[in-house]
Amino acid sequence: MKGGNNSMLGKEIFLLRSASRKSAIEFIKRQNLERLKHAGLLRGFVRKNNGSWDHEEWLVLCEDISLNEFEPIDFNKVGILLEEEKSRFFGSPAL
């Protein structure tokens, strides 16, 4: 039975470490999203594209974000920030 307890403890430690890593990554993603929000990169992208872009241009923006050391980041949330910036560009409140 003693061996079983050690095995269970090992699994619990692994799960705690894994959860800690996931929490740390999520924290960094939130920080990077906040940094990106204030960096002007999204505003510049919207202005450069006059408020309209296609998927290829979105992919280029994602690459620029990666190259400018904003990763790890949640690109779904980047898309939301981009739409908010687009709304400001056209002078309407974000949805």
PDB file of N, CA and C in Angstrom:
ATOM      1  N   MET A   1       0.812  -1.193   0.000  1.00  0.00           N
ATOM      2  CA  MET A   1       0.000   0.000   0.000  1.00  0.00           C
ATOM      3  C   MET A   1       0.853   1.254   0.000  1.00  0.00           C
ATOM      4  N   LYS A   2       2.006   1.172   0.674  1.00  0.00           N
ATOM      5  CA  LYS A   2       2.877   2.329   0.759  1.00  0.00           C
ATOM      6  C   LYS A   2       3.305   2.800  -0.629  1.00  0.00           C
ATOM      7  N   GLY A   3       3.636   1.882  -1.509  1.00  0.00           N
ATOM      8  CA  GLY A   3       4.019   2.239  -2.872  1.00  0.00           C
ATOM      9  C   GLY A   3       2.903   2.956  -3.601  1.00  0.00           C
ATOM     10  N   GLY A   4       1.663   2.541  -3.359  1.00  0.00           N
ATOM     11  CA  GLY A   4       0.509   3.188  -3.973  1.00  0.00           C
ATOM     12  C   GLY A   4       0.370   4.631  -3.534  1.00  0.00           C
ATOM     13  N   ASN A   5       0.626   4.895  -2.263  1.00  0.00           N
ATOM     14  CA  ASN A   5       0.546   6.266  -1.756  1.00  0.00           C
ATOM     15  C   ASN A   5       1.597   7.158  -2.399  1.00  0.00           C
ATOM     16  N   ASN A   6       2.817   6.624  -2.549  1.00  0.00           N
ATOM     17  CA  ASN A   6       3.877   7.400  -3.196  1.00  0.00           C
ATOM     18  C   ASN A   6       3.520   7.705  -4.640  1.00  0.00           C
ATOM     19  N   SER A   7       2.935   6.718  -5.299  1.00  0.00           N
ATOM     20  CA  SER A   7       2.523   6.911  -6.688  1.00  0.00           C
ATOM     21  C   SER A   7       1.456   7.992  -6.791  1.00  0.00           C
ATOM     22  N   MET A   8       0.502   7.965  -5.878  1.00  0.00           N
ATOM     23  CA  MET A   8      -0.569   8.961  -5.876  1.00  0.00           C
ATOM     24  C   MET A   8       0.005  10.346  -5.585  1.00  0.00           C
ATOM     25  N   LEU A   9       0.925  10.429  -4.629  1.00  0.00           N
ATOM     26  CA  LEU A   9       1.549  11.704  -4.291  1.00  0.00           C
ATOM     27  C   LEU A   9       2.314  12.250  -5.494  1.00  0.00           C
ATOM     28  N   GLY A  10       3.001  11.386  -6.204  1.00  0.00           N
ATOM     29  CA  GLY A  10       3.728  11.804  -7.403  1.00  0.00           C
ATOM     30  C   GLY A  10       2.791  12.386  -8.448  1.00  0.00           C
ATOM     31  N   LYS A  11       1.633  11.759  -8.623  1.00  0.00           N
ATOM     32  CA  LYS A  11       0.645  12.265  -9.585  1.00  0.00           C
ATOM     33  C   LYS A  11       0.107  13.617  -9.143  1.00  0.00           C
ATOM     34  N   GLU A  12      -0.138  13.759  -7.834  1.00  0.00           N
ATOM     35  CA  GLU A  12      -0.645  15.032  -7.313  1.00  0.00           C
ATOM     36  C   GLU A  12       0.377  16.149  -7.512  1.00  0.00           C
ATOM     37  N   ILE A  13       1.643  15.852  -7.241  1.00  0.00           N
ATOM     38  CA  ILE A  13       2.697  16.850  -7.444  1.00  0.00           C
ATOM     39  C   ILE A  13       2.777  17.231  -8.913  1.00  0.00           C
ATOM     40  N   PHE A  14       2.717  16.238  -9.793  1.00  0.00           N
ATOM     41  CA  PHE A  14       2.745  16.515 -11.230  1.00  0.00           C
ATOM     42  C   PHE A  14       1.585  17.422 -11.628  1.00  0.00           C
ATOM     43  N   LEU A  15       0.382  17.118 -11.133  1.00  0.00           N
ATOM     44  CA  LEU A  15      -0.796  17.924 -11.473  1.00  0.00           C
ATOM     45  C   LEU A  15      -0.666  19.344 -10.940  1.00  0.00           C
ATOM     46  N   LEU A  16      -0.124  19.501  -9.735  1.00  0.00           N
ATOM     47  CA  LEU A  16       0.077  20.842  -9.175  1.00  0.00           C
ATOM     48  C   LEU A  16       1.078  21.639 -10.000  1.00  0.00           C
ATOM     49  N   ARG A  17       2.169  20.993 -10.376  1.00  0.00           N
ATOM     50  CA  ARG A  17       3.173  21.681 -11.203  1.00  0.00           C
ATOM     51  C   ARG A  17       2.580  22.057 -12.553  1.00  0.00           C
ATOM     52  N   SER A  18       1.824  21.145 -13.122  1.00  0.00           N
ATOM     53  CA  SER A  18       1.181  21.401 -14.410  1.00  0.00           C
ATOM     54  C   SER A  18       0.208  22.568 -14.298  1.00  0.00           C
ATOM     55  N   ALA A  19      -0.584  22.596 -13.242  1.00  0.00           N
ATOM     56  CA  ALA A  19      -1.541  23.691 -13.025  1.00  0.00           C
ATOM     57  C   ALA A  19      -0.804  25.002 -12.815  1.00  0.00           C
ATOM     58  N   SER A  20       0.313  24.960 -12.095  1.00  0.00           N
ATOM     59  CA  SER A  20       1.105  26.172 -11.868  1.00  0.00           C
ATOM     60  C   SER A  20       1.654  26.709 -13.182  1.00  0.00           C
ATOM     61  N   ARG A  21       2.138  25.811 -14.042  1.00  0.00           N
ATOM     62  CA  ARG A  21       2.645  26.231 -15.351  1.00  0.00           C
ATOM     63  C   ARG A  21       1.539  26.858 -16.176  1.00  0.00           C
ATOM     64  N   LYS A  22       0.373  26.222 -16.177  1.00  0.00           N
ATOM     65  CA  LYS A  22      -0.754  26.752 -16.945  1.00  0.00           C
ATOM     66  C   LYS A  22      -1.162  28.119 -16.418  1.00  0.00           C
ATOM     67  N   SER A  23      -1.196  28.277 -15.105  1.00  0.00           N
ATOM     68  CA  SER A  23      -1.537  29.572 -14.509  1.00  0.00           C
ATOM     69  C   SER A  23      -0.511  30.624 -14.891  1.00  0.00           C
ATOM     70  N   ALA A  24       0.760  30.253 -14.857  1.00  0.00           N
ATOM     71  CA  ALA A  24       1.822  31.194 -15.219  1.00  0.00           C
ATOM     72  C   ALA A  24       1.698  31.604 -16.679  1.00  0.00           C
ATOM     73  N   ILE A  25       1.420  30.660 -17.551  1.00  0.00           N
ATOM     74  CA  ILE A  25       1.275  30.970 -18.975  1.00  0.00           C
ATOM     75  C   ILE A  25       0.075  31.875 -19.199  1.00  0.00           C
ATOM     76  N   GLU A  26      -1.036  31.598 -18.532  1.00  0.00           N
ATOM     77  CA  GLU A  26      -2.225  32.452 -18.672  1.00  0.00           C
ATOM     78  C   GLU A  26      -1.945  33.863 -18.172  1.00  0.00           C
ATOM     79  N   PHE A  27      -1.189  33.984 -17.091  1.00  0.00           N
ATOM     80  CA  PHE A  27      -0.814  35.291 -16.560  1.00  0.00           C
ATOM     81  C   PHE A  27       0.030  36.051 -17.581  1.00  0.00           C
ATOM     82  N   ILE A  28       1.005  35.374 -18.177  1.00  0.00           N
ATOM     83  CA  ILE A  28       1.870  36.005 -19.181  1.00  0.00           C
ATOM     84  C   ILE A  28       1.052  36.409 -20.403  1.00  0.00           C
ATOM     85  N   LYS A  29       0.112  35.567 -20.823  1.00  0.00           N
ATOM     86  CA  LYS A  29      -0.748  35.910 -21.960  1.00  0.00           C
ATOM     87  C   LYS A  29      -1.529  37.188 -21.685  1.00  0.00           C
ATOM     88  N   ARG A  30      -2.067  37.305 -20.467  1.00  0.00           N
ATOM     89  CA  ARG A  30      -2.822  38.519 -20.110  1.00  0.00           C
ATOM     90  C   ARG A  30      -1.913  39.744 -20.101  1.00  0.00           C
ATOM     91  N   GLN A  31      -0.701  39.584 -19.566  1.00  0.00           N
ATOM     92  CA  GLN A  31       0.254  40.695 -19.556  1.00  0.00           C
ATOM     93  C   GLN A  31       0.613  41.110 -20.978  1.00  0.00           C
ATOM     94  N   ASN A  32       0.877  40.139 -21.832  1.00  0.00           N
ATOM     95  CA  ASN A  32       1.245  40.435 -23.215  1.00  0.00           C
ATOM     96  C   ASN A  32       0.101  41.105 -23.960  1.00  0.00           C
ATOM     97  N   LEU A  33      -1.116  40.683 -23.693  1.00  0.00           N
ATOM     98  CA  LEU A  33      -2.281  41.310 -24.319  1.00  0.00           C
ATOM     99  C   LEU A  33      -2.386  42.774 -23.886  1.00  0.00           C
ATOM    100  N   GLU A  34      -2.149  43.029 -22.626  1.00  0.00           N
ATOM    101  CA  GLU A  34      -2.198  44.404 -22.111  1.00  0.00           C
ATOM    102  C   GLU A  34      -1.077  45.249 -22.726  1.00  0.00           C
ATOM    103  N   ARG A  35       0.120  44.669 -22.834  1.00  0.00           N
ATOM    104  CA  ARG A  35       1.235  45.395 -23.472  1.00  0.00           C
ATOM    105  C   ARG A  35       0.906  45.715 -24.925  1.00  0.00           C
ATOM    106  N   LEU A  36       0.346  44.741 -25.636  1.00  0.00           N
ATOM    107  CA  LEU A  36      -0.021  44.939 -27.037  1.00  0.00           C
ATOM    108  C   LEU A  36      -1.065  46.036 -27.166  1.00  0.00           C
ATOM    109  N   LYS A  37      -2.013  46.039 -26.264  1.00  0.00           N
ATOM    110  CA  LYS A  37      -3.098  47.028 -26.283  1.00  0.00           C
ATOM    111  C   LYS A  37      -2.544  48.454 -26.261  1.00  0.00           C
ATOM    112  N   HIS A  38      -1.448  48.661 -25.538  1.00  0.00           N
ATOM    113  CA  HIS A  38      -0.879  49.998 -25.380  1.00  0.00           C
ATOM    114  C   HIS A  38       0.300  50.276 -26.318  1.00  0.00           C
ATOM    115  N   ALA A  39       0.694  49.310 -27.112  1.00  0.00           N
ATOM    116  CA  ALA A  39       1.884  49.453 -27.953  1.00  0.00           C
ATOM    117  C   ALA A  39       1.642  50.248 -29.233  1.00  0.00           C
ATOM    118  N   GLY A  40       0.405  50.369 -29.663  1.00  0.00           N
ATOM    119  CA  GLY A  40       0.114  51.092 -30.899  1.00  0.00           C
ATOM    120  C   GLY A  40       0.157  50.241 -32.153  1.00  0.00           C
ATOM    121  N   LEU A  41       0.534  48.992 -32.022  1.00  0.00           N
ATOM    122  CA  LEU A  41       0.635  48.101 -33.181  1.00  0.00           C
ATOM    123  C   LEU A  41      -0.727  47.871 -33.827  1.00  0.00           C
ATOM    124  N   LEU A  42      -1.745  47.666 -33.011  1.00  0.00           N
ATOM    125  CA  LEU A  42      -3.085  47.419 -33.559  1.00  0.00           C
ATOM    126  C   LEU A  42      -3.652  48.681 -34.204  1.00  0.00           C
ATOM    127  N   ARG A  43      -3.468  49.818 -33.559  1.00  0.00           N
ATOM    128  CA  ARG A  43      -3.937  51.087 -34.124  1.00  0.00           C
ATOM    129  C   ARG A  43      -3.258  51.345 -35.476  1.00  0.00           C
ATOM    130  N   GLY A  44      -1.952  51.101 -35.521  1.00  0.00           N
ATOM    131  CA  GLY A  44      -1.219  51.277 -36.772  1.00  0.00           C
ATOM    132  C   GLY A  44      -1.720  50.353 -37.865  1.00  0.00           C
ATOM    133  N   PHE A  45      -2.022  49.117 -37.495  1.00  0.00           N
ATOM    134  CA  PHE A  45      -2.533  48.148 -38.461  1.00  0.00           C
ATOM    135  C   PHE A  45      -3.876  48.603 -39.023  1.00  0.00           C
ATOM    136  N   VAL A  46      -4.776  49.043 -38.148  1.00  0.00           N
ATOM    137  CA  VAL A  46      -6.102  49.491 -38.587  1.00  0.00           C
ATOM    138  C   VAL A  46      -5.967  50.701 -39.507  1.00  0.00           C
ATOM    139  N   ARG A  47      -5.128  51.647 -39.133  1.00  0.00           N
ATOM    140  CA  ARG A  47      -4.937  52.853 -39.957  1.00  0.00           C
ATOM    141  C   ARG A  47      -4.310  52.513 -41.306  1.00  0.00           C
ATOM    142  N   LYS A  48      -3.283  51.674 -41.267  1.00  0.00           N
ATOM    143  CA  LYS A  48      -2.594  51.289 -42.507  1.00  0.00           C
ATOM    144  C   LYS A  48      -3.552  50.625 -43.490  1.00  0.00           C
ATOM    145  N   ASN A  49      -4.489  49.859 -42.961  1.00  0.00           N
ATOM    146  CA  ASN A  49      -5.441  49.131 -43.803  1.00  0.00           C
ATOM    147  C   ASN A  49      -6.774  49.853 -43.946  1.00  0.00           C
ATOM    148  N   ASN A  50      -6.811  51.101 -43.484  1.00  0.00           N
ATOM    149  CA  ASN A  50      -8.014  51.933 -43.591  1.00  0.00           C
ATOM    150  C   ASN A  50      -9.258  51.236 -43.024  1.00  0.00           C
ATOM    151  N   GLY A  51      -9.049  50.487 -41.939  1.00  0.00           N
ATOM    152  CA  GLY A  51     -10.167  49.846 -41.252  1.00  0.00           C
ATOM    153  C   GLY A  51     -10.702  48.593 -41.907  1.00  0.00           C
ATOM    154  N   SER A  52      -9.998  48.055 -42.897  1.00  0.00           N
ATOM    155  CA  SER A  52     -10.481  46.872 -43.610  1.00  0.00           C
ATOM    156  C   SER A  52      -9.293  45.988 -43.993  1.00  0.00           C
ATOM    157  N   TRP A  53      -9.402  44.713 -43.724  1.00  0.00           N
ATOM    158  CA  TRP A  53      -8.318  43.792 -44.041  1.00  0.00           C
ATOM    159  C   TRP A  53      -8.882  42.417 -44.328  1.00  0.00           C
ATOM    160  N   ASP A  54      -8.033  41.596 -44.955  1.00  0.00           N
ATOM    161  CA  ASP A  54      -8.441  40.226 -45.256  1.00  0.00           C
ATOM    162  C   ASP A  54      -7.665  39.256 -44.358  1.00  0.00           C
ATOM    163  N   HIS A  55      -7.916  37.991 -44.552  1.00  0.00           N
ATOM    164  CA  HIS A  55      -7.305  36.972 -43.695  1.00  0.00           C
ATOM    165  C   HIS A  55      -5.782  36.977 -43.822  1.00  0.00           C
ATOM    166  N   GLU A  56      -5.288  37.156 -45.023  1.00  0.00           N
ATOM    167  CA  GLU A  56      -3.838  37.183 -45.238  1.00  0.00           C
ATOM    168  C   GLU A  56      -3.192  38.320 -44.444  1.00  0.00           C
ATOM    169  N   GLU A  57      -3.828  39.479 -44.445  1.00  0.00           N
ATOM    170  CA  GLU A  57      -3.299  40.616 -43.683  1.00  0.00           C
ATOM    171  C   GLU A  57      -3.371  40.344 -42.175  1.00  0.00           C
ATOM    172  N   TRP A  58      -4.425  39.660 -41.738  1.00  0.00           N
ATOM    173  CA  TRP A  58      -4.538  39.256 -40.334  1.00  0.00           C
ATOM    174  C   TRP A  58      -3.376  38.336 -39.959  1.00  0.00           C
ATOM    175  N   LEU A  59      -3.046  37.389 -40.836  1.00  0.00           N
ATOM    176  CA  LEU A  59      -1.938  36.474 -40.560  1.00  0.00           C
ATOM    177  C   LEU A  59      -0.611  37.220 -40.470  1.00  0.00           C
ATOM    178  N   VAL A  60      -0.424  38.217 -41.325  1.00  0.00           N
ATOM    179  CA  VAL A  60       0.790  39.041 -41.268  1.00  0.00           C
ATOM    180  C   VAL A  60       0.845  39.788 -39.932  1.00  0.00           C
ATOM    181  N   LEU A  61      -0.288  40.326 -39.490  1.00  0.00           N
ATOM    182  CA  LEU A  61      -0.339  40.993 -38.185  1.00  0.00           C
ATOM    183  C   LEU A  61       0.034  40.013 -37.074  1.00  0.00           C
ATOM    184  N   CYS A  62      -0.494  38.816 -37.126  1.00  0.00           N
ATOM    185  CA  CYS A  62      -0.174  37.807 -36.107  1.00  0.00           C
ATOM    186  C   CYS A  62       1.326  37.518 -36.086  1.00  0.00           C
ATOM    187  N   GLU A  63       1.934  37.454 -37.255  1.00  0.00           N
ATOM    188  CA  GLU A  63       3.377  37.237 -37.335  1.00  0.00           C
ATOM    189  C   GLU A  63       4.127  38.427 -36.743  1.00  0.00           C
ATOM    190  N   ASP A  64       3.677  39.645 -37.053  1.00  0.00           N
ATOM    191  CA  ASP A  64       4.298  40.847 -36.482  1.00  0.00           C
ATOM    192  C   ASP A  64       4.210  40.830 -34.958  1.00  0.00           C
ATOM    193  N   ILE A  65       3.069  40.416 -34.444  1.00  0.00           N
ATOM    194  CA  ILE A  65       2.883  40.330 -32.991  1.00  0.00           C
ATOM    195  C   ILE A  65       3.888  39.345 -32.401  1.00  0.00           C
ATOM    196  N   SER A  66       4.069  38.215 -33.061  1.00  0.00           N
ATOM    197  CA  SER A  66       5.025  37.214 -32.592  1.00  0.00           C
ATOM    198  C   SER A  66       6.453  37.737 -32.657  1.00  0.00           C
ATOM    199  N   LEU A  67       6.792  38.393 -33.753  1.00  0.00           N
ATOM    200  CA  LEU A  67       8.149  38.909 -33.928  1.00  0.00           C
ATOM    201  C   LEU A  67       8.471  40.036 -32.956  1.00  0.00           C
ATOM    202  N   ASN A  68       7.448  40.735 -32.491  1.00  0.00           N
ATOM    203  CA  ASN A  68       7.645  41.825 -31.535  1.00  0.00           C
ATOM    204  C   ASN A  68       7.545  41.354 -30.088  1.00  0.00           C
ATOM    205  N   GLU A  69       7.688  40.058 -29.888  1.00  0.00           N
ATOM    206  CA  GLU A  69       7.800  39.454 -28.562  1.00  0.00           C
ATOM    207  C   GLU A  69       6.575  39.662 -27.679  1.00  0.00           C
ATOM    208  N   PHE A  70       5.388  39.512 -28.274  1.00  0.00           N
ATOM    209  CA  PHE A  70       4.150  39.554 -27.502  1.00  0.00           C
ATOM    210  C   PHE A  70       3.598  38.158 -27.240  1.00  0.00           C
ATOM    211  N   GLU A  71       4.352  37.123 -27.563  1.00  0.00           N
ATOM    212  CA  GLU A  71       3.886  35.763 -27.308  1.00  0.00           C
ATOM    213  C   GLU A  71       4.455  35.264 -25.999  1.00  0.00           C
ATOM    214  N   PRO A  72       3.762  34.379 -25.311  1.00  0.00           N
ATOM    215  CA  PRO A  72       2.467  33.806 -25.684  1.00  0.00           C
ATOM    216  C   PRO A  72       1.352  34.838 -25.538  1.00  0.00           C
ATOM    217  N   ILE A  73       0.350  34.706 -26.404  1.00  0.00           N
ATOM    218  CA  ILE A  73      -0.790  35.614 -26.396  1.00  0.00           C
ATOM    219  C   ILE A  73      -2.007  34.869 -26.923  1.00  0.00           C
ATOM    220  N   ASP A  74      -3.171  35.277 -26.513  1.00  0.00           N
ATOM    221  CA  ASP A  74      -4.418  34.680 -26.981  1.00  0.00           C
ATOM    222  C   ASP A  74      -4.870  35.462 -28.220  1.00  0.00           C
ATOM    223  N   PHE A  75      -4.705  34.876 -29.402  1.00  0.00           N
ATOM    224  CA  PHE A  75      -5.024  35.586 -30.642  1.00  0.00           C
ATOM    225  C   PHE A  75      -6.519  35.825 -30.812  1.00  0.00           C
ATOM    226  N   ASN A  76      -7.357  35.040 -30.153  1.00  0.00           N
ATOM    227  CA  ASN A  76      -8.795  35.347 -30.175  1.00  0.00           C
ATOM    228  C   ASN A  76      -9.054  36.681 -29.491  1.00  0.00           C
ATOM    229  N   LYS A  77      -8.367  36.911 -28.384  1.00  0.00           N
ATOM    230  CA  LYS A  77      -8.519  38.183 -27.674  1.00  0.00           C
ATOM    231  C   LYS A  77      -7.864  39.327 -28.442  1.00  0.00           C
ATOM    232  N   VAL A  78      -6.801  39.030 -29.167  1.00  0.00           N
ATOM    233  CA  VAL A  78      -6.199  40.045 -30.038  1.00  0.00           C
ATOM    234  C   VAL A  78      -7.234  40.484 -31.070  1.00  0.00           C
ATOM    235  N   GLY A  79      -7.972  39.535 -31.620  1.00  0.00           N
ATOM    236  CA  GLY A  79      -9.020  39.849 -32.594  1.00  0.00           C
ATOM    237  C   GLY A  79     -10.078  40.770 -32.009  1.00  0.00           C
ATOM    238  N   ILE A  80     -10.431  40.546 -30.755  1.00  0.00           N
ATOM    239  CA  ILE A  80     -11.413  41.413 -30.089  1.00  0.00           C
ATOM    240  C   ILE A  80     -10.849  42.819 -29.936  1.00  0.00           C
ATOM    241  N   LEU A  81      -9.589  42.919 -29.499  1.00  0.00           N
ATOM    242  CA  LEU A  81      -8.958  44.237 -29.377  1.00  0.00           C
ATOM    243  C   LEU A  81      -8.888  44.940 -30.729  1.00  0.00           C
ATOM    244  N   LEU A  82      -8.609  44.174 -31.768  1.00  0.00           N
ATOM    245  CA  LEU A  82      -8.521  44.742 -33.109  1.00  0.00           C
ATOM    246  C   LEU A  82      -9.869  45.291 -33.561  1.00  0.00           C
ATOM    247  N   GLU A  83     -10.928  44.572 -33.281  1.00  0.00           N
ATOM    248  CA  GLU A  83     -12.274  45.054 -33.627  1.00  0.00           C
ATOM    249  C   GLU A  83     -12.636  46.306 -32.829  1.00  0.00           C
ATOM    250  N   GLU A  84     -12.197  46.375 -31.575  1.00  0.00           N
ATOM    251  CA  GLU A  84     -12.420  47.584 -30.778  1.00  0.00           C
ATOM    252  C   GLU A  84     -11.674  48.767 -31.385  1.00  0.00           C
ATOM    253  N   GLU A  85     -10.449  48.517 -31.813  1.00  0.00           N
ATOM    254  CA  GLU A  85      -9.652  49.577 -32.450  1.00  0.00           C
ATOM    255  C   GLU A  85     -10.293  50.012 -33.763  1.00  0.00           C
ATOM    256  N   LYS A  86     -10.815  49.070 -34.502  1.00  0.00           N
ATOM    257  CA  LYS A  86     -11.514  49.374 -35.756  1.00  0.00           C
ATOM    258  C   LYS A  86     -12.742  50.246 -35.484  1.00  0.00           C
ATOM    259  N   SER A  87     -13.483  49.939 -34.429  1.00  0.00           N
ATOM    260  CA  SER A  87     -14.654  50.746 -34.063  1.00  0.00           C
ATOM    261  C   SER A  87     -14.243  52.173 -33.730  1.00  0.00           C
ATOM    262  N   ARG A  88     -13.140  52.323 -33.002  1.00  0.00           N
ATOM    263  CA  ARG A  88     -12.648  53.674 -32.695  1.00  0.00           C
ATOM    264  C   ARG A  88     -12.233  54.401 -33.970  1.00  0.00           C
ATOM    265  N   PHE A  89     -11.622  53.663 -34.887  1.00  0.00           N
ATOM    266  CA  PHE A  89     -11.174  54.251 -36.154  1.00  0.00           C
ATOM    267  C   PHE A  89     -12.354  54.838 -36.925  1.00  0.00           C
ATOM    268  N   PHE A  90     -13.459  54.120 -36.931  1.00  0.00           N
ATOM    269  CA  PHE A  90     -14.638  54.587 -37.648  1.00  0.00           C
ATOM    270  C   PHE A  90     -15.529  55.488 -36.795  1.00  0.00           C
ATOM    271  N   GLY A  91     -15.103  55.746 -35.556  1.00  0.00           N
ATOM    272  CA  GLY A  91     -15.819  56.679 -34.705  1.00  0.00           C
ATOM    273  C   GLY A  91     -17.072  56.153 -34.065  1.00  0.00           C
ATOM    274  N   SER A  92     -17.197  54.835 -33.974  1.00  0.00           N
ATOM    275  CA  SER A  92     -18.371  54.267 -33.313  1.00  0.00           C
ATOM    276  C   SER A  92     -17.924  53.499 -32.082  1.00  0.00           C
ATOM    277  N   PRO A  93     -18.768  53.394 -31.082  1.00  0.00           N
ATOM    278  CA  PRO A  93     -18.389  52.646 -29.877  1.00  0.00           C
ATOM    279  C   PRO A  93     -18.211  51.163 -30.180  1.00  0.00           C
ATOM    280  N   ALA A  94     -17.276  50.548 -29.466  1.00  0.00           N
ATOM    281  CA  ALA A  94     -17.046  49.106 -29.638  1.00  0.00           C
ATOM    282  C   ALA A  94     -18.271  48.337 -29.178  1.00  0.00           C
ATOM    283  N   LEU A  95     -18.506  47.198 -29.819  1.00  0.00           N
ATOM    284  CA  LEU A  95     -19.653  46.352 -29.459  1.00  0.00           C
ATOM    285  C   LEU A  95     -19.433  45.659 -28.146  1.00  0.00           C
TER     286      LEU A  95
END
